Amino acid sequence: MALAKKGSRLITVDGTAYRWRLRGRPTYDQGLVQSPVTYAVEHAETSGTTLVITTNQPHPSNWLGTHGNPILPAQVADGIRTAVTAGWTPKSPGPPFHLDQSAGFVPFH
């Protein structure tokens, strides 16, 4: 399934163009700071496997006012490089590739 172009951003990593998107509104668990923010990445020109990256920080728009930093392009680029090293093939069809970088996330109590 392709990412919606509306709200997505282009990024070039090691000469390859990708499109990434962070959900604008948090999910219920993200809003309550029970789960960390996630974002999706795909190859910009070729439909293939979507990369889903789970971070270790709360959603910036959570409902409890817990400080959540914005996802920066440098973080996205690092996540893409890590996923490619771990076996993500963005041009090949298949189920979403999940990259869990949530170590250190502390849910709100």
PDB file of N, CA and C in Angstrom:
ATOM      1  N   MET A   1       0.834  -1.174   0.000  1.00  0.00           N
ATOM      2  CA  MET A   1       0.000   0.000   0.000  1.00  0.00           C
ATOM      3  C   MET A   1       0.881   1.239   0.000  1.00  0.00           C
ATOM      4  N   ALA A   2       0.635   2.143  -0.916  1.00  0.00           N
ATOM      5  CA  ALA A   2       1.451   3.343  -1.054  1.00  0.00           C
ATOM      6  C   ALA A   2       1.082   4.391  -0.014  1.00  0.00           C
ATOM      7  N   LEU A   3       2.074   5.170   0.363  1.00  0.00           N
ATOM      8  CA  LEU A   3       1.831   6.277   1.274  1.00  0.00           C
ATOM      9  C   LEU A   3       1.074   7.383   0.546  1.00  0.00           C
ATOM     10  N   ALA A   4       0.240   8.074   1.262  1.00  0.00           N
ATOM     11  CA  ALA A   4      -0.440   9.233   0.686  1.00  0.00           C
ATOM     12  C   ALA A   4       0.598  10.324   0.433  1.00  0.00           C
ATOM     13  N   LYS A   5       0.540  10.936  -0.728  1.00  0.00           N
ATOM     14  CA  LYS A   5       1.503  11.996  -1.016  1.00  0.00           C
ATOM     15  C   LYS A   5       1.243  13.231  -0.168  1.00  0.00           C
ATOM     16  N   LYS A   6      -0.023  13.471   0.151  1.00  0.00           N
ATOM     17  CA  LYS A   6      -0.351  14.619   0.994  1.00  0.00           C
ATOM     18  C   LYS A   6       0.200  14.372   2.397  1.00  0.00           C
ATOM     19  N   GLY A   7       0.993  15.293   2.870  1.00  0.00           N
ATOM     20  CA  GLY A   7       1.566  15.169   4.201  1.00  0.00           C
ATOM     21  C   GLY A   7       2.872  14.399   4.254  1.00  0.00           C
ATOM     22  N   SER A   8       3.315  13.855   3.129  1.00  0.00           N
ATOM     23  CA  SER A   8       4.577  13.115   3.139  1.00  0.00           C
ATOM     24  C   SER A   8       5.710  14.029   2.689  1.00  0.00           C
ATOM     25  N   ARG A   9       6.910  13.623   3.000  1.00  0.00           N
ATOM     26  CA  ARG A   9       8.101  14.403   2.656  1.00  0.00           C
ATOM     27  C   ARG A   9       9.079  13.539   1.899  1.00  0.00           C
ATOM     28  N   LEU A  10       9.793  14.161   0.980  1.00  0.00           N
ATOM     29  CA  LEU A  10      10.828  13.455   0.235  1.00  0.00           C
ATOM     30  C   LEU A  10      12.156  13.581   0.964  1.00  0.00           C
ATOM     31  N   ILE A  11      12.945  12.522   0.870  1.00  0.00           N
ATOM     32  CA  ILE A  11      14.288  12.525   1.433  1.00  0.00           C
ATOM     33  C   ILE A  11      15.159  11.665   0.529  1.00  0.00           C
ATOM     34  N   THR A  12      16.379  12.097   0.302  1.00  0.00           N
ATOM     35  CA  THR A  12      17.331  11.320  -0.488  1.00  0.00           C
ATOM     36  C   THR A  12      18.401  10.792   0.453  1.00  0.00           C
ATOM     37  N   VAL A  13      18.565   9.469   0.430  1.00  0.00           N
ATOM     38  CA  VAL A  13      19.550   8.803   1.291  1.00  0.00           C
ATOM     39  C   VAL A  13      20.458   7.979   0.403  1.00  0.00           C
ATOM     40  N   ASP A  14      21.729   8.296   0.430  1.00  0.00           N
ATOM     41  CA  ASP A  14      22.740   7.583  -0.361  1.00  0.00           C
ATOM     42  C   ASP A  14      22.345   7.497  -1.830  1.00  0.00           C
ATOM     43  N   GLY A  15      21.808   8.584  -2.367  1.00  0.00           N
ATOM     44  CA  GLY A  15      21.471   8.662  -3.782  1.00  0.00           C
ATOM     45  C   GLY A  15      20.122   8.090  -4.174  1.00  0.00           C
ATOM     46  N   THR A  16      19.354   7.594  -3.232  1.00  0.00           N
ATOM     47  CA  THR A  16      18.036   7.018  -3.510  1.00  0.00           C
ATOM     48  C   THR A  16      16.964   7.891  -2.872  1.00  0.00           C
ATOM     49  N   ALA A  17      15.908   8.186  -3.646  1.00  0.00           N
ATOM     50  CA  ALA A  17      14.820   9.027  -3.146  1.00  0.00           C
ATOM     51  C   ALA A  17      13.770   8.170  -2.444  1.00  0.00           C
ATOM     52  N   TYR A  18      13.343   8.626  -1.278  1.00  0.00           N
ATOM     53  CA  TYR A  18      12.308   7.965  -0.489  1.00  0.00           C
ATOM     54  C   TYR A  18      11.244   8.999  -0.129  1.00  0.00           C
ATOM     55  N   ARG A  19      10.075   8.512   0.244  1.00  0.00           N
ATOM     56  CA  ARG A  19       8.991   9.347   0.753  1.00  0.00           C
ATOM     57  C   ARG A  19       8.677   8.834   2.160  1.00  0.00           C
ATOM     58  N   TRP A  20       8.540   9.754   3.118  1.00  0.00           N
ATOM     59  CA  TRP A  20       8.233   9.341   4.485  1.00  0.00           C
ATOM     60  C   TRP A  20       7.100  10.185   5.040  1.00  0.00           C
ATOM     61  N   ARG A  21       6.401   9.603   5.996  1.00  0.00           N
ATOM     62  CA  ARG A  21       5.229  10.283   6.556  1.00  0.00           C
ATOM     63  C   ARG A  21       5.022   9.870   8.002  1.00  0.00           C
ATOM     64  N   LEU A  22       4.767  10.881   8.820  1.00  0.00           N
ATOM     65  CA  LEU A  22       4.410  10.695  10.214  1.00  0.00           C
ATOM     66  C   LEU A  22       2.921  10.988  10.339  1.00  0.00           C
ATOM     67  N   ARG A  23       2.210  10.130  11.005  1.00  0.00           N
ATOM     68  CA  ARG A  23       0.779  10.349  11.213  1.00  0.00           C
ATOM     69  C   ARG A  23       0.596  11.646  11.999  1.00  0.00           C
ATOM     70  N   GLY A  24      -0.239  12.546  11.483  1.00  0.00           N
ATOM     71  CA  GLY A  24      -0.443  13.845  12.116  1.00  0.00           C
ATOM     72  C   GLY A  24      -1.109  13.755  13.473  1.00  0.00           C
ATOM     73  N   ARG A  25      -2.148  12.963  13.561  1.00  0.00           N
ATOM     74  CA  ARG A  25      -2.826  12.755  14.844  1.00  0.00           C
ATOM     75  C   ARG A  25      -2.302  11.473  15.470  1.00  0.00           C
ATOM     76  N   PRO A  26      -2.111  11.502  16.767  1.00  0.00           N
ATOM     77  CA  PRO A  26      -1.639  10.268  17.409  1.00  0.00           C
ATOM     78  C   PRO A  26      -2.754   9.223  17.456  1.00  0.00           C
ATOM     79  N   THR A  27      -2.356   7.949  17.481  1.00  0.00           N
ATOM     80  CA  THR A  27      -3.324   6.896  17.746  1.00  0.00           C
ATOM     81  C   THR A  27      -3.749   7.036  19.208  1.00  0.00           C
ATOM     82  N   TYR A  28      -4.748   6.282  19.631  1.00  0.00           N
ATOM     83  CA  TYR A  28      -5.222   6.380  21.014  1.00  0.00           C
ATOM     84  C   TYR A  28      -4.088   6.122  22.007  1.00  0.00           C
ATOM     85  N   ASP A  29      -3.342   5.025  21.791  1.00  0.00           N
ATOM     86  CA  ASP A  29      -2.240   4.692  22.707  1.00  0.00           C
ATOM     87  C   ASP A  29      -1.119   5.731  22.648  1.00  0.00           C
ATOM     88  N   GLN A  30      -0.856   6.270  21.453  1.00  0.00           N
ATOM     89  CA  GLN A  30       0.162   7.316  21.346  1.00  0.00           C
ATOM     90  C   GLN A  30      -0.299   8.593  22.033  1.00  0.00           C
ATOM     91  N   GLY A  31      -1.584   8.904  21.937  1.00  0.00           N
ATOM     92  CA  GLY A  31      -2.131  10.085  22.596  1.00  0.00           C
ATOM     93  C   GLY A  31      -2.012  10.019  24.106  1.00  0.00           C
ATOM     94  N   LEU A  32      -2.115   8.809  24.650  1.00  0.00           N
ATOM     95  CA  LEU A  32      -1.984   8.591  26.095  1.00  0.00           C
ATOM     96  C   LEU A  32      -0.552   8.265  26.509  1.00  0.00           C
ATOM     97  N   VAL A  33       0.373   8.350  25.587  1.00  0.00           N
ATOM     98  CA  VAL A  33       1.796   8.061  25.793  1.00  0.00           C
ATOM     99  C   VAL A  33       1.981   6.646  26.341  1.00  0.00           C
ATOM    100  N   GLN A  34       1.226   5.712  25.779  1.00  0.00           N
ATOM    101  CA  GLN A  34       1.376   4.298  26.118  1.00  0.00           C
ATOM    102  C   GLN A  34       2.199   3.560  25.068  1.00  0.00           C
ATOM    103  N   SER A  35       2.322   4.146  23.886  1.00  0.00           N
ATOM    104  CA  SER A  35       3.157   3.565  22.833  1.00  0.00           C
ATOM    105  C   SER A  35       3.883   4.702  22.121  1.00  0.00           C
ATOM    106  N   PRO A  36       5.056   4.405  21.569  1.00  0.00           N
ATOM    107  CA  PRO A  36       5.859   5.448  20.935  1.00  0.00           C
ATOM    108  C   PRO A  36       5.347   5.802  19.533  1.00  0.00           C
ATOM    109  N   VAL A  37       5.853   6.896  19.017  1.00  0.00           N
ATOM    110  CA  VAL A  37       5.483   7.348  17.683  1.00  0.00           C
ATOM    111  C   VAL A  37       6.119   6.443  16.619  1.00  0.00           C
ATOM    112  N   THR A  38       5.397   6.232  15.536  1.00  0.00           N
ATOM    113  CA  THR A  38       5.900   5.475  14.397  1.00  0.00           C
ATOM    114  C   THR A  38       5.754   6.318  13.144  1.00  0.00           C
ATOM    115  N   TYR A  39       6.554   6.005  12.136  1.00  0.00           N
ATOM    116  CA  TYR A  39       6.404   6.654  10.843  1.00  0.00           C
ATOM    117  C   TYR A  39       6.721   5.635   9.753  1.00  0.00           C
ATOM    118  N   ALA A  40       6.262   5.957   8.546  1.00  0.00           N
ATOM    119  CA  ALA A  40       6.403   5.020   7.428  1.00  0.00           C
ATOM    120  C   ALA A  40       7.291   5.625   6.350  1.00  0.00           C
ATOM    121  N   VAL A  41       8.009   4.747   5.648  1.00  0.00           N
ATOM    122  CA  VAL A  41       8.924   5.152   4.576  1.00  0.00           C
ATOM    123  C   VAL A  41       8.704   4.210   3.405  1.00  0.00           C
ATOM    124  N   GLU A  42       8.789   4.747   2.187  1.00  0.00           N
ATOM    125  CA  GLU A  42       8.748   3.913   0.988  1.00  0.00           C
ATOM    126  C   GLU A  42       9.640   4.522  -0.079  1.00  0.00           C
ATOM    127  N   HIS A  43       9.982   3.719  -1.074  1.00  0.00           N
ATOM    128  CA  HIS A  43      10.757   4.212  -2.209  1.00  0.00           C
ATOM    129  C   HIS A  43       9.900   5.234  -2.939  1.00  0.00           C
ATOM    130  N   ALA A  44      10.481   6.334  -3.381  1.00  0.00           N
ATOM    131  CA  ALA A  44       9.714   7.438  -3.958  1.00  0.00           C
ATOM    132  C   ALA A  44       9.126   7.117  -5.325  1.00  0.00           C
ATOM    133  N   GLU A  45       9.814   6.332  -6.138  1.00  0.00           N
ATOM    134  CA  GLU A  45       9.340   6.085  -7.494  1.00  0.00           C
ATOM    135  C   GLU A  45       8.736   4.699  -7.713  1.00  0.00           C
ATOM    136  N   THR A  46       9.165   3.718  -6.974  1.00  0.00           N
ATOM    137  CA  THR A  46       8.746   2.338  -7.194  1.00  0.00           C
ATOM    138  C   THR A  46       7.918   1.849  -6.019  1.00  0.00           C
ATOM    139  N   SER A  47       6.738   1.327  -6.314  1.00  0.00           N
ATOM    140  CA  SER A  47       5.907   0.764  -5.261  1.00  0.00           C
ATOM    141  C   SER A  47       6.510  -0.557  -4.803  1.00  0.00           C
ATOM    142  N   GLY A  48       6.687  -0.711  -3.531  1.00  0.00           N
ATOM    143  CA  GLY A  48       7.283  -1.929  -2.987  1.00  0.00           C
ATOM    144  C   GLY A  48       6.935  -2.073  -1.526  1.00  0.00           C
ATOM    145  N   THR A  49       7.862  -2.597  -0.764  1.00  0.00           N
ATOM    146  CA  THR A  49       7.652  -2.824   0.660  1.00  0.00           C
ATOM    147  C   THR A  49       7.754  -1.518   1.438  1.00  0.00           C
ATOM    148  N   THR A  50       6.807  -1.293   2.321  1.00  0.00           N
ATOM    149  CA  THR A  50       6.824  -0.117   3.185  1.00  0.00           C
ATOM    150  C   THR A  50       7.623  -0.431   4.442  1.00  0.00           C
ATOM    151  N   LEU A  51       8.431   0.528   4.850  1.00  0.00           N
ATOM    152  CA  LEU A  51       9.198   0.428   6.091  1.00  0.00           C
ATOM    153  C   LEU A  51       8.416   1.149   7.180  1.00  0.00           C
ATOM    154  N   VAL A  52       8.197   0.495   8.308  1.00  0.00           N
ATOM    155  CA  VAL A  52       7.523   1.112   9.454  1.00  0.00           C
ATOM    156  C   VAL A  52       8.536   1.165  10.594  1.00  0.00           C
ATOM    157  N   ILE A  53       8.868   2.383  11.016  1.00  0.00           N
ATOM    158  CA  ILE A  53       9.875   2.579  12.056  1.00  0.00           C
ATOM    159  C   ILE A  53       9.181   3.016  13.347  1.00  0.00           C
ATOM    160  N   THR A  54       9.432   2.273  14.405  1.00  0.00           N
ATOM    161  CA  THR A  54       8.932   2.621  15.734  1.00  0.00           C
ATOM    162  C   THR A  54      10.073   3.295  16.484  1.00  0.00           C
ATOM    163  N   THR A  55       9.832   4.515  16.947  1.00  0.00           N
ATOM    164  CA  THR A  55      10.873   5.275  17.637  1.00  0.00           C
ATOM    165  C   THR A  55      10.817   5.029  19.142  1.00  0.00           C
ATOM    166  N   ASN A  56      11.661   5.738  19.866  1.00  0.00           N
ATOM    167  CA  ASN A  56      11.661   5.610  21.333  1.00  0.00           C
ATOM    168  C   ASN A  56      11.143   6.873  22.011  1.00  0.00           C
ATOM    169  N   GLN A  57      10.336   7.645  21.302  1.00  0.00           N
ATOM    170  CA  GLN A  57       9.832   8.893  21.866  1.00  0.00           C
ATOM    171  C   GLN A  57       8.327   9.006  21.709  1.00  0.00           C
ATOM    172  N   PRO A  58       7.677   9.826  22.532  1.00  0.00           N
ATOM    173  CA  PRO A  58       6.231   9.988  22.414  1.00  0.00           C
ATOM    174  C   PRO A  58       5.862  10.807  21.180  1.00  0.00           C
ATOM    175  N   HIS A  59       4.616  10.654  20.754  1.00  0.00           N
ATOM    176  CA  HIS A  59       4.115  11.439  19.625  1.00  0.00           C
ATOM    177  C   HIS A  59       4.143  12.917  20.024  1.00  0.00           C
ATOM    178  N   PRO A  60       4.631  13.810  19.137  1.00  0.00           N
ATOM    179  CA  PRO A  60       4.698  15.231  19.482  1.00  0.00           C
ATOM    180  C   PRO A  60       3.335  15.852  19.811  1.00  0.00           C
ATOM    181  N   SER A  61       2.251  15.269  19.300  1.00  0.00           N
ATOM    182  CA  SER A  61       0.902  15.804  19.547  1.00  0.00           C
ATOM    183  C   SER A  61       0.129  14.980  20.570  1.00  0.00           C
ATOM    184  N   ASN A  62       0.829  14.358  21.521  1.00  0.00           N
ATOM    185  CA  ASN A  62       0.126  13.546  22.525  1.00  0.00           C
ATOM    186  C   ASN A  62      -0.761  14.439  23.380  1.00  0.00           C
ATOM    187  N   TRP A  63      -1.750  13.842  24.020  1.00  0.00           N
ATOM    188  CA  TRP A  63      -2.783  14.574  24.755  1.00  0.00           C
ATOM    189  C   TRP A  63      -2.387  14.950  26.169  1.00  0.00           C
ATOM    190  N   LEU A  64      -1.276  14.407  26.648  1.00  0.00           N
ATOM    191  CA  LEU A  64      -0.894  14.645  28.038  1.00  0.00           C
ATOM    192  C   LEU A  64       0.155  15.732  28.195  1.00  0.00           C
ATOM    193  N   GLY A  65       0.596  16.293  27.087  1.00  0.00           N
ATOM    194  CA  GLY A  65       1.592  17.352  27.151  1.00  0.00           C
ATOM    195  C   GLY A  65       3.001  16.860  27.407  1.00  0.00           C
ATOM    196  N   THR A  66       3.207  15.547  27.328  1.00  0.00           N
ATOM    197  CA  THR A  66       4.547  14.996  27.487  1.00  0.00           C
ATOM    198  C   THR A  66       5.401  15.474  26.328  1.00  0.00           C
ATOM    199  N   HIS A  67       6.591  15.925  26.622  1.00  0.00           N
ATOM    200  CA  HIS A  67       7.463  16.479  25.589  1.00  0.00           C
ATOM    201  C   HIS A  67       7.852  15.401  24.576  1.00  0.00           C
ATOM    202  N   GLY A  68       7.503  15.652  23.330  1.00  0.00           N
ATOM    203  CA  GLY A  68       7.882  14.755  22.248  1.00  0.00           C
ATOM    204  C   GLY A  68       8.607  15.551  21.179  1.00  0.00           C
ATOM    205  N   ASN A  69       9.823  15.187  20.865  1.00  0.00           N
ATOM    206  CA  ASN A  69      10.602  15.900  19.855  1.00  0.00           C
ATOM    207  C   ASN A  69      10.092  15.577  18.462  1.00  0.00           C
ATOM    208  N   PRO A  70      10.213  16.507  17.548  1.00  0.00           N
ATOM    209  CA  PRO A  70       9.826  16.200  16.166  1.00  0.00           C
ATOM    210  C   PRO A  70      10.790  15.176  15.560  1.00  0.00           C
ATOM    211  N   ILE A  71      10.295  14.436  14.590  1.00  0.00           N
ATOM    212  CA  ILE A  71      11.138  13.491  13.861  1.00  0.00           C
ATOM    213  C   ILE A  71      11.920  14.298  12.831  1.00  0.00           C
ATOM    214  N   LEU A  72      13.227  14.243  12.906  1.00  0.00           N
ATOM    215  CA  LEU A  72      14.083  15.025  12.019  1.00  0.00           C
ATOM    216  C   LEU A  72      14.524  14.185  10.820  1.00  0.00           C
ATOM    217  N   PRO A  73      14.787  14.843   9.691  1.00  0.00           N
ATOM    218  CA  PRO A  73      15.256  14.111   8.509  1.00  0.00           C
ATOM    219  C   PRO A  73      16.502  13.266   8.768  1.00  0.00           C
ATOM    220  N   ALA A  74      17.394  13.731   9.634  1.00  0.00           N
ATOM    221  CA  ALA A  74      18.592  12.941   9.954  1.00  0.00           C
ATOM    222  C   ALA A  74      18.212  11.618  10.618  1.00  0.00           C
ATOM    223  N   GLN A  75      17.179  11.640  11.482  1.00  0.00           N
ATOM    224  CA  GLN A  75      16.713  10.405  12.117  1.00  0.00           C
ATOM    225  C   GLN A  75      16.114   9.462  11.076  1.00  0.00           C
ATOM    226  N   VAL A  76      15.360  10.029  10.149  1.00  0.00           N
ATOM    227  CA  VAL A  76      14.752   9.213   9.091  1.00  0.00           C
ATOM    228  C   VAL A  76      15.844   8.566   8.250  1.00  0.00           C
ATOM    229  N   ALA A  77      16.848   9.344   7.871  1.00  0.00           N
ATOM    230  CA  ALA A  77      17.952   8.808   7.068  1.00  0.00           C
ATOM    231  C   ALA A  77      18.678   7.687   7.801  1.00  0.00           C
ATOM    232  N   ASP A  78      18.932   7.871   9.092  1.00  0.00           N
ATOM    233  CA  ASP A  78      19.585   6.817   9.882  1.00  0.00           C
ATOM    234  C   ASP A  78      18.720   5.559   9.948  1.00  0.00           C
ATOM    235  N   GLY A  79      17.410   5.743  10.120  1.00  0.00           N
ATOM    236  CA  GLY A  79      16.499   4.600  10.146  1.00  0.00           C
ATOM    237  C   GLY A  79      16.478   3.852   8.826  1.00  0.00           C
ATOM    238  N   ILE A  80      16.497   4.588   7.728  1.00  0.00           N
ATOM    239  CA  ILE A  80      16.515   3.953   6.402  1.00  0.00           C
ATOM    240  C   ILE A  80      17.795   3.146   6.221  1.00  0.00           C
ATOM    241  N   ARG A  81      18.924   3.735   6.575  1.00  0.00           N
ATOM    242  CA  ARG A  81      20.204   3.017   6.438  1.00  0.00           C
ATOM    243  C   ARG A  81      20.214   1.752   7.302  1.00  0.00           C
ATOM    244  N   THR A  82      19.713   1.857   8.519  1.00  0.00           N
ATOM    245  CA  THR A  82      19.659   0.696   9.420  1.00  0.00           C
ATOM    246  C   THR A  82      18.767  -0.389   8.834  1.00  0.00           C
ATOM    247  N   ALA A  83      17.619  -0.008   8.289  1.00  0.00           N
ATOM    248  CA  ALA A  83      16.682  -0.979   7.725  1.00  0.00           C
ATOM    249  C   ALA A  83      17.261  -1.666   6.492  1.00  0.00           C
ATOM    250  N   VAL A  84      17.927  -0.907   5.641  1.00  0.00           N
ATOM    251  CA  VAL A  84      18.538  -1.505   4.446  1.00  0.00           C
ATOM    252  C   VAL A  84      19.604  -2.507   4.864  1.00  0.00           C
ATOM    253  N   THR A  85      20.399  -2.161   5.873  1.00  0.00           N
ATOM    254  CA  THR A  85      21.416  -3.082   6.390  1.00  0.00           C
ATOM    255  C   THR A  85      20.778  -4.333   6.982  1.00  0.00           C
ATOM    256  N   ALA A  86      19.582  -4.171   7.589  1.00  0.00           N
ATOM    257  CA  ALA A  86      18.883  -5.296   8.215  1.00  0.00           C
ATOM    258  C   ALA A  86      18.084  -6.130   7.213  1.00  0.00           C
ATOM    259  N   GLY A  87      18.079  -5.728   5.927  1.00  0.00           N
ATOM    260  CA  GLY A  87      17.418  -6.555   4.920  1.00  0.00           C
ATOM    261  C   GLY A  87      16.207  -5.961   4.239  1.00  0.00           C
ATOM    262  N   TRP A  88      15.847  -4.713   4.529  1.00  0.00           N
ATOM    263  CA  TRP A  88      14.703  -4.088   3.856  1.00  0.00           C
ATOM    264  C   TRP A  88      15.036  -3.847   2.393  1.00  0.00           C
ATOM    265  N   THR A  89      14.180  -4.318   1.514  1.00  0.00           N
ATOM    266  CA  THR A  89      14.338  -4.098   0.073  1.00  0.00           C
ATOM    267  C   THR A  89      13.151  -3.269  -0.398  1.00  0.00           C
ATOM    268  N   PRO A  90      13.312  -1.945  -0.477  1.00  0.00           N
ATOM    269  CA  PRO A  90      12.193  -1.049  -0.733  1.00  0.00           C
ATOM    270  C   PRO A  90      11.509  -1.216  -2.079  1.00  0.00           C
ATOM    271  N   LYS A  91      12.192  -1.771  -3.074  1.00  0.00           N
ATOM    272  CA  LYS A  91      11.584  -1.926  -4.397  1.00  0.00           C
ATOM    273  C   LYS A  91      10.866  -3.262  -4.564  1.00  0.00           C
ATOM    274  N   SER A  92      11.061  -4.187  -3.655  1.00  0.00           N
ATOM    275  CA  SER A  92      10.448  -5.515  -3.759  1.00  0.00           C
ATOM    276  C   SER A  92       9.084  -5.525  -3.091  1.00  0.00           C
ATOM    277  N   PRO A  93       8.105  -6.203  -3.695  1.00  0.00           N
ATOM    278  CA  PRO A  93       6.793  -6.301  -3.049  1.00  0.00           C
ATOM    279  C   PRO A  93       6.867  -7.198  -1.818  1.00  0.00           C
ATOM    280  N   GLY A  94       5.949  -6.982  -0.908  1.00  0.00           N
ATOM    281  CA  GLY A  94       5.901  -7.818   0.283  1.00  0.00           C
ATOM    282  C   GLY A  94       5.239  -7.089   1.435  1.00  0.00           C
ATOM    283  N   PRO A  95       5.150  -7.759   2.566  1.00  0.00           N
ATOM    284  CA  PRO A  95       4.529  -7.143   3.750  1.00  0.00           C
ATOM    285  C   PRO A  95       5.421  -6.029   4.295  1.00  0.00           C
ATOM    286  N   PRO A  96       4.861  -5.155   5.115  1.00  0.00           N
ATOM    287  CA  PRO A  96       5.674  -4.081   5.695  1.00  0.00           C
ATOM    288  C   PRO A  96       6.866  -4.628   6.472  1.00  0.00           C
ATOM    289  N   PHE A  97       7.961  -3.916   6.382  1.00  0.00           N
ATOM    290  CA  PHE A  97       9.185  -4.255   7.113  1.00  0.00           C
ATOM    291  C   PHE A  97       9.200  -3.384   8.365  1.00  0.00           C
ATOM    292  N   HIS A  98       9.236  -4.003   9.530  1.00  0.00           N
ATOM    293  CA  HIS A  98       9.186  -3.268  10.797  1.00  0.00           C
ATOM    294  C   HIS A  98      10.588  -3.131  11.382  1.00  0.00           C
ATOM    295  N   LEU A  99      10.928  -1.904  11.729  1.00  0.00           N
ATOM    296  CA  LEU A  99      12.195  -1.624  12.389  1.00  0.00           C
ATOM    297  C   LEU A  99      11.870  -1.044  13.763  1.00  0.00           C
ATOM    298  N   ASP A 100      12.196  -1.777  14.797  1.00  0.00           N
ATOM    299  CA  ASP A 100      11.874  -1.373  16.166  1.00  0.00           C
ATOM    300  C   ASP A 100      13.073  -0.677  16.796  1.00  0.00           C
ATOM    301  N   GLN A 101      12.943   0.621  16.996  1.00  0.00           N
ATOM    302  CA  GLN A 101      13.977   1.412  17.668  1.00  0.00           C
ATOM    303  C   GLN A 101      13.406   2.008  18.958  1.00  0.00           C
ATOM    304  N   SER A 102      12.516   1.256  19.603  1.00  0.00           N
ATOM    305  CA  SER A 102      11.804   1.776  20.775  1.00  0.00           C
ATOM    306  C   SER A 102      12.509   1.531  22.104  1.00  0.00           C
ATOM    307  N   ALA A 103      13.720   0.995  22.068  1.00  0.00           N
ATOM    308  CA  ALA A 103      14.438   0.756  23.329  1.00  0.00           C
ATOM    309  C   ALA A 103      14.588   2.072  24.073  1.00  0.00           C
ATOM    310  N   GLY A 104      14.200   2.088  25.325  1.00  0.00           N
ATOM    311  CA  GLY A 104      14.319   3.282  26.148  1.00  0.00           C
ATOM    312  C   GLY A 104      13.024   4.082  26.239  1.00  0.00           C
ATOM    313  N   PHE A 105      11.977   3.693  25.511  1.00  0.00           N
ATOM    314  CA  PHE A 105      10.704   4.401  25.612  1.00  0.00           C
ATOM    315  C   PHE A 105      10.079   4.111  26.964  1.00  0.00           C
ATOM    316  N   VAL A 106       9.611   5.162  27.648  1.00  0.00           N
ATOM    317  CA  VAL A 106       8.989   5.012  28.953  1.00  0.00           C
ATOM    318  C   VAL A 106       7.542   5.481  28.826  1.00  0.00           C
ATOM    319  N   PRO A 107       6.565   4.566  28.938  1.00  0.00           N
ATOM    320  CA  PRO A 107       5.150   4.970  28.876  1.00  0.00           C
ATOM    321  C   PRO A 107       4.775   5.839  30.064  1.00  0.00           C
ATOM    322  N   PHE A 108       3.783   6.696  29.866  1.00  0.00           N
ATOM    323  CA  PHE A 108       3.287   7.561  30.937  1.00  0.00           C
ATOM    324  C   PHE A 108       2.480   6.721  31.911  1.00  0.00           C
ATOM    325  N   HIS A 109       2.673   6.942  33.205  1.00  0.00           N
ATOM    326  CA  HIS A 109       1.930   6.182  34.222  1.00  0.00           C
ATOM    327  C   HIS A 109       0.913   7.057  34.880  1.00  0.00           C
TER     328      HIS A 109
END
